[in-house]
Amino acid sequence: MEYHRVQMMVDGCPVTLTCYTVEGTFICKADNIPPDVWATHATGATRDEAQRMVLERARRKIADTRPLTGRAA
């Protein structure tokens, strides 16, 4: 079984990325616990594919947690 865990910054937000295989399928999980407490995961045929997809989802989660600026009250 392949297992890889790394901490990184994604769009200025600390993220823990965990990738592993289960029966030939690569699974990657990204989480931000703490400070914003969210997690997302993706699967793929390769680790690169699963990692790319989970990082795209993480970027969307990060964008959703950021306050909107320049809005009229």
C-alpha atoms as a PDB file:
ATOM      1  CA  MET A   1       0.000   0.000   0.000  1.00  0.00           C
ATOM      2  CA  GLU A   2       1.258   3.444  -0.895  1.00  0.00           C
ATOM      3  CA  TYR A   3       0.722   6.216   1.677  1.00  0.00           C
ATOM      4  CA  HIS A   4       1.816   9.846   1.401  1.00  0.00           C
ATOM      5  CA  ARG A   5       0.992  12.769   3.723  1.00  0.00           C
ATOM      6  CA  VAL A   6       2.206  16.333   3.342  1.00  0.00           C
ATOM      7  CA  GLN A   7       1.306  19.783   4.656  1.00  0.00           C
ATOM      8  CA  MET A   8       1.215  22.598   2.127  1.00  0.00           C
ATOM      9  CA  MET A   9      -0.193  26.035   1.460  1.00  0.00           C
ATOM     10  CA  VAL A  10      -3.001  26.245  -1.097  1.00  0.00           C
ATOM     11  CA  ASP A  11      -4.077  29.776  -2.030  1.00  0.00           C
ATOM     12  CA  GLY A  12      -2.628  31.039   1.270  1.00  0.00           C
ATOM     13  CA  CYS A  13      -4.424  28.441   3.394  1.00  0.00           C
ATOM     14  CA  PRO A  14      -2.711  25.604   5.324  1.00  0.00           C
ATOM     15  CA  VAL A  15      -3.842  22.214   3.978  1.00  0.00           C
ATOM     16  CA  THR A  16      -2.934  18.642   4.892  1.00  0.00           C
ATOM     17  CA  LEU A  17      -2.937  16.367   1.845  1.00  0.00           C
ATOM     18  CA  THR A  18      -3.135  12.601   2.410  1.00  0.00           C
ATOM     19  CA  CYS A  19      -2.898  10.160  -0.522  1.00  0.00           C
ATOM     20  CA  TYR A  20      -3.083   6.358  -0.426  1.00  0.00           C
ATOM     21  CA  THR A  21      -4.162   3.364  -2.496  1.00  0.00           C
ATOM     22  CA  VAL A  22      -6.942   0.871  -1.903  1.00  0.00           C
ATOM     23  CA  GLU A  23      -7.127  -2.082  -4.303  1.00  0.00           C
ATOM     24  CA  GLY A  24      -5.385  -0.143  -7.080  1.00  0.00           C
ATOM     25  CA  THR A  25      -7.424   3.062  -6.725  1.00  0.00           C
ATOM     26  CA  PHE A  26      -5.681   6.209  -5.534  1.00  0.00           C
ATOM     27  CA  ILE A  27      -7.517   8.249  -2.919  1.00  0.00           C
ATOM     28  CA  CYS A  28      -6.481  11.745  -1.877  1.00  0.00           C
ATOM     29  CA  LYS A  29      -7.954  13.748   0.984  1.00  0.00           C
ATOM     30  CA  ALA A  30      -7.331  17.423   1.655  1.00  0.00           C
ATOM     31  CA  ASP A  31      -8.295  19.006   4.950  1.00  0.00           C
ATOM     32  CA  ASN A  32      -7.895  22.250   6.825  1.00  0.00           C
ATOM     33  CA  ILE A  33      -8.442  21.257  10.452  1.00  0.00           C
ATOM     34  CA  PRO A  34      -7.956  23.751  12.096  1.00  0.00           C
ATOM     35  CA  PRO A  35      -8.606  26.626  11.428  1.00  0.00           C
ATOM     36  CA  ASP A  36     -11.569  26.430   9.005  1.00  0.00           C
ATOM     37  CA  VAL A  37     -12.576  22.754   9.544  1.00  0.00           C
ATOM     38  CA  TRP A  38     -13.343  21.341   6.114  1.00  0.00           C
ATOM     39  CA  ALA A  39     -12.305  18.265   4.170  1.00  0.00           C
ATOM     40  CA  THR A  40     -12.710  16.954   0.644  1.00  0.00           C
ATOM     41  CA  HIS A  41     -11.544  13.852  -1.204  1.00  0.00           C
ATOM     42  CA  ALA A  42     -11.110  12.502  -4.729  1.00  0.00           C
ATOM     43  CA  THR A  43     -10.193   9.223  -6.387  1.00  0.00           C
ATOM     44  CA  GLY A  44      -8.229   8.539  -9.543  1.00  0.00           C
ATOM     45  CA  ALA A  45      -6.345   5.959 -11.561  1.00  0.00           C
ATOM     46  CA  THR A  46      -3.044   7.620 -10.560  1.00  0.00           C
ATOM     47  CA  ARG A  47      -1.919   9.581  -7.525  1.00  0.00           C
ATOM     48  CA  ASP A  48      -1.333  12.642  -9.711  1.00  0.00           C
ATOM     49  CA  GLU A  49      -4.894  12.498 -11.051  1.00  0.00           C
ATOM     50  CA  ALA A  50      -6.460  12.128  -7.592  1.00  0.00           C
ATOM     51  CA  GLN A  51      -4.210  14.843  -6.163  1.00  0.00           C
ATOM     52  CA  ARG A  52      -5.032  17.266  -8.990  1.00  0.00           C
ATOM     53  CA  MET A  53      -8.776  16.758  -8.487  1.00  0.00           C
ATOM     54  CA  VAL A  54      -8.660  17.095  -4.704  1.00  0.00           C
ATOM     55  CA  LEU A  55      -6.580  20.272  -4.920  1.00  0.00           C
ATOM     56  CA  GLU A  56      -9.136  21.781  -7.342  1.00  0.00           C
ATOM     57  CA  ARG A  57     -11.890  20.969  -4.824  1.00  0.00           C
ATOM     58  CA  ALA A  58      -9.793  22.378  -1.979  1.00  0.00           C
ATOM     59  CA  ARG A  59      -9.332  25.651  -3.866  1.00  0.00           C
ATOM     60  CA  ARG A  60     -13.129  25.923  -4.252  1.00  0.00           C
ATOM     61  CA  LYS A  61     -13.613  25.235  -0.520  1.00  0.00           C
ATOM     62  CA  ILE A  62     -11.029  27.892   0.329  1.00  0.00           C
ATOM     63  CA  ALA A  63     -12.724  30.417  -1.968  1.00  0.00           C
ATOM     64  CA  ASP A  64     -16.093  29.636  -0.331  1.00  0.00           C
ATOM     65  CA  THR A  65     -14.715  30.324   3.161  1.00  0.00           C
ATOM     66  CA  ARG A  66     -13.181  33.678   2.308  1.00  0.00           C
ATOM     67  CA  PRO A  67     -15.287  36.765   3.010  1.00  0.00           C
ATOM     68  CA  LEU A  68     -16.576  38.643   0.006  1.00  0.00           C
ATOM     69  CA  THR A  69     -15.140  42.133  -0.250  1.00  0.00           C
ATOM     70  CA  GLY A  70     -16.438  45.172  -2.037  1.00  0.00           C
ATOM     71  CA  ARG A  71     -20.114  44.278  -1.579  1.00  0.00           C
ATOM     72  CA  ALA A  72     -22.690  46.937  -0.855  1.00  0.00           C
ATOM     73  CA  ALA A  73     -24.318  46.479   2.534  1.00  0.00           C
END
